[in-house]
Amino acid sequence: MGFFEAINSVFAGYFKFSGRATRPEFWWFFLFEILVGGAAFAIDAYLVVSTLNAAAWNETALLALSPLDFMLTYYMLITFFPRMAVTIRRLHDVGLSGFFYLMYFVPFVGGLIVFVLTLLPSEADTNIHGPGPFQRGGGMPSPTPSMGGGGGIAPKRKHDPMQGYAVLDKIKEEPTPEMLAARKAEVRALYEQRVLGKTPVVAE
């Protein structure tokens, strides 16, 4: 996800507090806030200096300025809910509850704790807040050894918790004579092919 795509995604989910937000979405928006917030601060600083110059640097002249005269006021109002929403979704993405956002209000260390939590990687699999970023097509799949030995990337199989019970049931089963004969034939054919170098006979 790129810069403009992330900005569009965050503002499209203006009041969306459910779901998940990946690290690129969160941190691209964070960069956007730095750029826009810095520009707003520069404009407000120019306004303050201009007001002081017009009043011969009489600081009481600043009392005539209203909070609505400052660009930072509009910036904070416009980005308050998108910032909160994307932060909560980022916490969801690492497998945490959105209530961890309230850590912001803990004096001194709260903001730092939330900052560290937003640095954590996404949970690859589905959690209670939605599918993982790779399952949504938001990134490259995690590399796994391919069965063909070519070093490619194989799709990750979804874990089935019932497979373990199925294996246990098969352990209890007694192999039939036909099954034993088939296994012996497979072992013999593999031995002849790998050790003796014989070419397997294909039935026509």
C-alpha atoms as a PDB file:
ATOM      1  CA  MET A   1       0.000   0.000   0.000  1.00  0.00           C
ATOM      2  CA  GLY A   2       1.406   3.356  -1.069  1.00  0.00           C
ATOM      3  CA  PHE A   3       1.110   6.867   0.371  1.00  0.00           C
ATOM      4  CA  PHE A   4      -1.982   8.072  -1.495  1.00  0.00           C
ATOM      5  CA  GLU A   5      -3.706   4.696  -1.261  1.00  0.00           C
ATOM      6  CA  ALA A   6      -3.230   4.727   2.510  1.00  0.00           C
ATOM      7  CA  ILE A   7      -4.595   8.275   2.857  1.00  0.00           C
ATOM      8  CA  ASN A   8      -7.625   7.358   0.790  1.00  0.00           C
ATOM      9  CA  SER A   9      -8.184   4.205   2.832  1.00  0.00           C
ATOM     10  CA  VAL A  10      -8.032   6.052   6.164  1.00  0.00           C
ATOM     11  CA  PHE A  11     -10.394   8.844   5.160  1.00  0.00           C
ATOM     12  CA  ALA A  12     -12.747   6.356   3.487  1.00  0.00           C
ATOM     13  CA  GLY A  13     -13.000   4.671   6.890  1.00  0.00           C
ATOM     14  CA  TYR A  14     -13.531   7.980   8.723  1.00  0.00           C
ATOM     15  CA  PHE A  15     -15.617   6.410  11.496  1.00  0.00           C
ATOM     16  CA  LYS A  16     -14.625   2.778  10.894  1.00  0.00           C
ATOM     17  CA  PHE A  17     -13.458   1.371  14.226  1.00  0.00           C
ATOM     18  CA  SER A  18     -13.817  -2.289  13.253  1.00  0.00           C
ATOM     19  CA  GLY A  19     -11.522  -4.356  11.052  1.00  0.00           C
ATOM     20  CA  ARG A  20      -7.759  -4.168  10.692  1.00  0.00           C
ATOM     21  CA  ALA A  21      -5.138  -1.714   9.400  1.00  0.00           C
ATOM     22  CA  THR A  22      -1.672  -2.811   8.298  1.00  0.00           C
ATOM     23  CA  ARG A  23       1.553  -1.054   9.217  1.00  0.00           C
ATOM     24  CA  PRO A  24       1.865   0.629   5.769  1.00  0.00           C
ATOM     25  CA  GLU A  25      -1.654   2.084   6.055  1.00  0.00           C
ATOM     26  CA  PHE A  26      -1.026   3.405   9.565  1.00  0.00           C
ATOM     27  CA  TRP A  27       2.466   4.812   9.030  1.00  0.00           C
ATOM     28  CA  TRP A  28       1.774   6.403   5.643  1.00  0.00           C
ATOM     29  CA  PHE A  29      -1.096   8.246   7.316  1.00  0.00           C
ATOM     30  CA  PHE A  30       1.262   9.160  10.153  1.00  0.00           C
ATOM     31  CA  LEU A  31       3.621  10.732   7.594  1.00  0.00           C
ATOM     32  CA  PHE A  32       0.658  12.582   6.075  1.00  0.00           C
ATOM     33  CA  GLU A  33      -0.176  13.997   9.506  1.00  0.00           C
ATOM     34  CA  ILE A  34       3.395  15.189  10.013  1.00  0.00           C
ATOM     35  CA  LEU A  35       3.426  16.956   6.649  1.00  0.00           C
ATOM     36  CA  VAL A  36      -0.011  18.573   6.938  1.00  0.00           C
ATOM     37  CA  GLY A  37       0.342  19.310  10.645  1.00  0.00           C
ATOM     38  CA  GLY A  38       3.741  20.869  10.052  1.00  0.00           C
ATOM     39  CA  ALA A  39       2.319  23.075   7.304  1.00  0.00           C
ATOM     40  CA  ALA A  40      -0.572  24.145   9.561  1.00  0.00           C
ATOM     41  CA  PHE A  41       1.866  24.949  12.368  1.00  0.00           C
ATOM     42  CA  ALA A  42       4.007  27.054  10.015  1.00  0.00           C
ATOM     43  CA  ILE A  43       0.935  29.050   8.906  1.00  0.00           C
ATOM     44  CA  ASP A  44      -0.111  29.625  12.523  1.00  0.00           C
ATOM     45  CA  ALA A  45       3.403  30.715  13.477  1.00  0.00           C
ATOM     46  CA  TYR A  46       3.340  33.260  10.652  1.00  0.00           C
ATOM     47  CA  LEU A  47      -0.038  34.506  11.911  1.00  0.00           C
ATOM     48  CA  VAL A  48       1.299  34.964  15.453  1.00  0.00           C
ATOM     49  CA  VAL A  49       4.432  36.782  14.281  1.00  0.00           C
ATOM     50  CA  SER A  50       2.411  39.035  11.980  1.00  0.00           C
ATOM     51  CA  THR A  51       0.009  39.888  14.806  1.00  0.00           C
ATOM     52  CA  LEU A  52       2.889  40.734  17.149  1.00  0.00           C
ATOM     53  CA  ASN A  53       4.592  42.856  14.493  1.00  0.00           C
ATOM     54  CA  ALA A  54       1.388  44.808  13.898  1.00  0.00           C
ATOM     55  CA  ALA A  55       1.081  45.448  17.652  1.00  0.00           C
ATOM     56  CA  ALA A  56       4.756  46.370  18.121  1.00  0.00           C
ATOM     57  CA  TRP A  57       5.297  43.043  19.895  1.00  0.00           C
ATOM     58  CA  ASN A  58       2.659  43.753  22.496  1.00  0.00           C
ATOM     59  CA  GLU A  59       1.750  40.247  23.641  1.00  0.00           C
ATOM     60  CA  THR A  60      -1.736  41.329  24.681  1.00  0.00           C
ATOM     61  CA  ALA A  61      -2.574  41.555  20.979  1.00  0.00           C
ATOM     62  CA  LEU A  62      -2.623  37.761  20.859  1.00  0.00           C
ATOM     63  CA  LEU A  63      -5.716  37.788  23.050  1.00  0.00           C
ATOM     64  CA  ALA A  64      -7.655  39.083  20.070  1.00  0.00           C
ATOM     65  CA  LEU A  65      -6.978  35.847  18.190  1.00  0.00           C
ATOM     66  CA  SER A  66      -9.624  33.130  18.385  1.00  0.00           C
ATOM     67  CA  PRO A  67      -8.866  29.376  18.312  1.00  0.00           C
ATOM     68  CA  LEU A  68     -10.745  29.350  15.010  1.00  0.00           C
ATOM     69  CA  ASP A  69      -8.079  31.660  13.565  1.00  0.00           C
ATOM     70  CA  PHE A  70      -5.507  28.872  13.732  1.00  0.00           C
ATOM     71  CA  MET A  71      -5.103  26.199  11.055  1.00  0.00           C
ATOM     72  CA  LEU A  72      -4.062  23.638  13.659  1.00  0.00           C
ATOM     73  CA  THR A  73      -7.561  23.824  15.131  1.00  0.00           C
ATOM     74  CA  TYR A  74      -9.136  22.716  11.844  1.00  0.00           C
ATOM     75  CA  TYR A  75      -6.407  20.158  11.281  1.00  0.00           C
ATOM     76  CA  MET A  76      -7.016  18.537  14.680  1.00  0.00           C
ATOM     77  CA  LEU A  77     -10.791  18.539  14.197  1.00  0.00           C
ATOM     78  CA  ILE A  78     -10.608  17.006  10.713  1.00  0.00           C
ATOM     79  CA  THR A  79      -8.092  14.273  11.567  1.00  0.00           C
ATOM     80  CA  PHE A  80      -9.265  13.391  15.101  1.00  0.00           C
ATOM     81  CA  PHE A  81     -11.650  10.568  14.196  1.00  0.00           C
ATOM     82  CA  PRO A  82      -9.614   9.121  11.276  1.00  0.00           C
ATOM     83  CA  ARG A  83      -6.525   9.091  13.515  1.00  0.00           C
ATOM     84  CA  MET A  84      -8.404   7.319  16.312  1.00  0.00           C
ATOM     85  CA  ALA A  85     -10.037   4.848  13.912  1.00  0.00           C
ATOM     86  CA  VAL A  86      -6.845   3.820  12.102  1.00  0.00           C
ATOM     87  CA  THR A  87      -4.995   3.454  15.407  1.00  0.00           C
ATOM     88  CA  ILE A  88      -7.686   1.161  16.789  1.00  0.00           C
ATOM     89  CA  ARG A  89      -7.662  -0.879  13.568  1.00  0.00           C
ATOM     90  CA  ARG A  90      -3.840  -1.091  13.795  1.00  0.00           C
ATOM     91  CA  LEU A  91      -4.198  -2.507  17.312  1.00  0.00           C
ATOM     92  CA  HIS A  92      -6.726  -5.002  15.949  1.00  0.00           C
ATOM     93  CA  ASP A  93      -4.218  -6.009  13.281  1.00  0.00           C
ATOM     94  CA  VAL A  94      -1.675  -7.120  15.885  1.00  0.00           C
ATOM     95  CA  GLY A  95      -4.347  -9.085  17.754  1.00  0.00           C
ATOM     96  CA  LEU A  96      -5.111  -6.572  20.511  1.00  0.00           C
ATOM     97  CA  SER A  97      -8.334  -4.992  21.691  1.00  0.00           C
ATOM     98  CA  GLY A  98      -9.122  -1.456  20.587  1.00  0.00           C
ATOM     99  CA  PHE A  99      -9.421  -0.521  24.256  1.00  0.00           C
ATOM    100  CA  PHE A 100      -5.621  -0.352  24.320  1.00  0.00           C
ATOM    101  CA  TYR A 101      -6.129   3.032  22.618  1.00  0.00           C
ATOM    102  CA  LEU A 102      -7.093   4.368  26.059  1.00  0.00           C
ATOM    103  CA  MET A 103      -3.438   3.946  27.016  1.00  0.00           C
ATOM    104  CA  TYR A 104      -2.904   7.297  25.262  1.00  0.00           C
ATOM    105  CA  PHE A 105      -4.443   8.989  28.282  1.00  0.00           C
ATOM    106  CA  VAL A 106      -1.972   7.453  30.756  1.00  0.00           C
ATOM    107  CA  PRO A 107       0.423  10.279  31.695  1.00  0.00           C
ATOM    108  CA  PHE A 108       4.022  10.176  30.455  1.00  0.00           C
ATOM    109  CA  VAL A 109       4.186   6.546  29.216  1.00  0.00           C
ATOM    110  CA  GLY A 110       0.773   5.909  27.646  1.00  0.00           C
ATOM    111  CA  GLY A 111       1.550   7.427  24.266  1.00  0.00           C
ATOM    112  CA  LEU A 112       4.878   5.619  24.112  1.00  0.00           C
ATOM    113  CA  ILE A 113       3.223   2.267  24.838  1.00  0.00           C
ATOM    114  CA  VAL A 114       0.673   2.739  22.049  1.00  0.00           C
ATOM    115  CA  PHE A 115       3.480   3.852  19.725  1.00  0.00           C
ATOM    116  CA  VAL A 116       5.388   0.624  20.395  1.00  0.00           C
ATOM    117  CA  LEU A 117       2.251  -1.487  19.873  1.00  0.00           C
ATOM    118  CA  THR A 118       1.649   0.074  16.451  1.00  0.00           C
ATOM    119  CA  LEU A 119       5.145  -1.033  15.430  1.00  0.00           C
ATOM    120  CA  LEU A 120       4.299  -4.717  15.901  1.00  0.00           C
ATOM    121  CA  PRO A 121       3.842  -6.856  12.752  1.00  0.00           C
ATOM    122  CA  SER A 122       0.432  -7.939  11.538  1.00  0.00           C
ATOM    123  CA  GLU A 123      -1.014 -11.283  12.529  1.00  0.00           C
ATOM    124  CA  ALA A 124      -0.765 -13.301   9.323  1.00  0.00           C
ATOM    125  CA  ASP A 125      -3.876 -15.373   9.957  1.00  0.00           C
ATOM    126  CA  THR A 126      -7.469 -14.396  10.550  1.00  0.00           C
ATOM    127  CA  ASN A 127      -8.253 -13.110  14.032  1.00  0.00           C
ATOM    128  CA  ILE A 128     -11.493 -11.965  15.638  1.00  0.00           C
ATOM    129  CA  HIS A 129     -11.191  -8.599  13.862  1.00  0.00           C
ATOM    130  CA  GLY A 130     -10.963  -9.943  10.309  1.00  0.00           C
ATOM    131  CA  PRO A 131      -8.688 -11.671   7.783  1.00  0.00           C
ATOM    132  CA  GLY A 132      -4.948 -11.146   7.727  1.00  0.00           C
ATOM    133  CA  PRO A 133      -3.282  -8.745   5.271  1.00  0.00           C
ATOM    134  CA  PHE A 134      -2.025 -11.568   3.021  1.00  0.00           C
ATOM    135  CA  GLN A 135      -5.482 -13.143   2.940  1.00  0.00           C
ATOM    136  CA  ARG A 136      -6.935  -9.784   1.869  1.00  0.00           C
ATOM    137  CA  GLY A 137      -4.408  -9.551  -0.955  1.00  0.00           C
ATOM    138  CA  GLY A 138      -2.642  -6.663   0.776  1.00  0.00           C
ATOM    139  CA  GLY A 139       0.851  -8.046   0.406  1.00  0.00           C
ATOM    140  CA  MET A 140       3.087 -10.872  -0.723  1.00  0.00           C
ATOM    141  CA  PRO A 141       2.467 -14.287   0.767  1.00  0.00           C
ATOM    142  CA  SER A 142       4.981 -15.554   3.274  1.00  0.00           C
ATOM    143  CA  PRO A 143       7.629 -17.733   1.614  1.00  0.00           C
ATOM    144  CA  THR A 144       7.407 -21.456   2.312  1.00  0.00           C
ATOM    145  CA  PRO A 145       9.418 -24.283   0.798  1.00  0.00           C
ATOM    146  CA  SER A 146       7.742 -25.692  -2.295  1.00  0.00           C
ATOM    147  CA  MET A 147       7.137 -29.394  -2.675  1.00  0.00           C
ATOM    148  CA  GLY A 148       8.804 -29.405  -6.081  1.00  0.00           C
ATOM    149  CA  GLY A 149      12.206 -28.388  -4.659  1.00  0.00           C
ATOM    150  CA  GLY A 150      12.352 -25.301  -6.881  1.00  0.00           C
ATOM    151  CA  GLY A 151      12.548 -22.838  -3.984  1.00  0.00           C
ATOM    152  CA  GLY A 152       9.264 -21.200  -4.997  1.00  0.00           C
ATOM    153  CA  ILE A 153       6.489 -19.859  -2.827  1.00  0.00           C
ATOM    154  CA  ALA A 154       3.744 -22.271  -1.958  1.00  0.00           C
ATOM    155  CA  PRO A 155       0.329 -21.102  -0.754  1.00  0.00           C
ATOM    156  CA  LYS A 156      -0.217 -21.530   2.951  1.00  0.00           C
ATOM    157  CA  ARG A 157      -2.731 -24.238   3.745  1.00  0.00           C
ATOM    158  CA  LYS A 158      -5.442 -23.411   6.218  1.00  0.00           C
ATOM    159  CA  HIS A 159      -5.115 -25.373   9.429  1.00  0.00           C
ATOM    160  CA  ASP A 160      -7.900 -27.867  10.025  1.00  0.00           C
ATOM    161  CA  PRO A 161      -8.141 -28.807  13.729  1.00  0.00           C
ATOM    162  CA  MET A 162     -10.076 -31.986  12.827  1.00  0.00           C
ATOM    163  CA  GLN A 163      -7.106 -33.452  10.936  1.00  0.00           C
ATOM    164  CA  GLY A 164      -5.523 -34.598  14.190  1.00  0.00           C
ATOM    165  CA  TYR A 165      -8.613 -36.552  15.153  1.00  0.00           C
ATOM    166  CA  ALA A 166      -8.729 -38.137  11.705  1.00  0.00           C
ATOM    167  CA  VAL A 167      -5.139 -39.351  12.104  1.00  0.00           C
ATOM    168  CA  LEU A 168      -5.924 -40.845  15.497  1.00  0.00           C
ATOM    169  CA  ASP A 169      -8.871 -42.722  14.011  1.00  0.00           C
ATOM    170  CA  LYS A 170      -6.673 -44.134  11.231  1.00  0.00           C
ATOM    171  CA  ILE A 171      -4.088 -45.361  13.758  1.00  0.00           C
ATOM    172  CA  LYS A 172      -6.702 -47.608  15.313  1.00  0.00           C
ATOM    173  CA  GLU A 173      -7.588 -49.169  11.937  1.00  0.00           C
ATOM    174  CA  GLU A 174      -6.054 -52.571  11.141  1.00  0.00           C
ATOM    175  CA  PRO A 175      -4.568 -52.679   7.615  1.00  0.00           C
ATOM    176  CA  THR A 176      -6.223 -55.174   5.288  1.00  0.00           C
ATOM    177  CA  PRO A 177      -4.167 -57.727   3.274  1.00  0.00           C
ATOM    178  CA  GLU A 178      -4.849 -55.696   0.141  1.00  0.00           C
ATOM    179  CA  MET A 179      -3.460 -52.552   1.802  1.00  0.00           C
ATOM    180  CA  LEU A 180      -0.304 -54.402   2.948  1.00  0.00           C
ATOM    181  CA  ALA A 181       0.251 -55.825  -0.523  1.00  0.00           C
ATOM    182  CA  ALA A 182      -0.168 -52.391  -2.092  1.00  0.00           C
ATOM    183  CA  ARG A 183       2.341 -50.854   0.342  1.00  0.00           C
ATOM    184  CA  LYS A 184       4.893 -53.591  -0.376  1.00  0.00           C
ATOM    185  CA  ALA A 185       4.447 -53.024  -4.103  1.00  0.00           C
ATOM    186  CA  GLU A 186       4.992 -49.279  -3.666  1.00  0.00           C
ATOM    187  CA  VAL A 187       8.162 -49.839  -1.594  1.00  0.00           C
ATOM    188  CA  ARG A 188       9.533 -52.351  -4.113  1.00  0.00           C
ATOM    189  CA  ALA A 189       8.814 -50.050  -7.052  1.00  0.00           C
ATOM    190  CA  LEU A 190      10.492 -47.137  -5.263  1.00  0.00           C
ATOM    191  CA  TYR A 191      13.556 -49.302  -4.466  1.00  0.00           C
ATOM    192  CA  GLU A 192      13.890 -50.469  -8.049  1.00  0.00           C
ATOM    193  CA  GLN A 193      13.549 -46.920  -9.363  1.00  0.00           C
ATOM    194  CA  ARG A 194      15.852 -45.096  -6.893  1.00  0.00           C
ATOM    195  CA  VAL A 195      18.465 -47.792  -6.131  1.00  0.00           C
ATOM    196  CA  LEU A 196      18.531 -50.094  -9.145  1.00  0.00           C
ATOM    197  CA  GLY A 197      17.768 -47.364 -11.641  1.00  0.00           C
ATOM    198  CA  LYS A 198      14.957 -49.222 -13.333  1.00  0.00           C
ATOM    199  CA  THR A 199      12.369 -47.294 -15.289  1.00  0.00           C
ATOM    200  CA  PRO A 200       8.853 -47.788 -13.913  1.00  0.00           C
ATOM    201  CA  VAL A 201       6.572 -49.715 -16.224  1.00  0.00           C
ATOM    202  CA  VAL A 202       3.502 -47.722 -17.236  1.00  0.00           C
ATOM    203  CA  ALA A 203       0.446 -49.835 -17.853  1.00  0.00           C
ATOM    204  CA  GLU A 204      -1.224 -49.124 -21.178  1.00  0.00           C
END
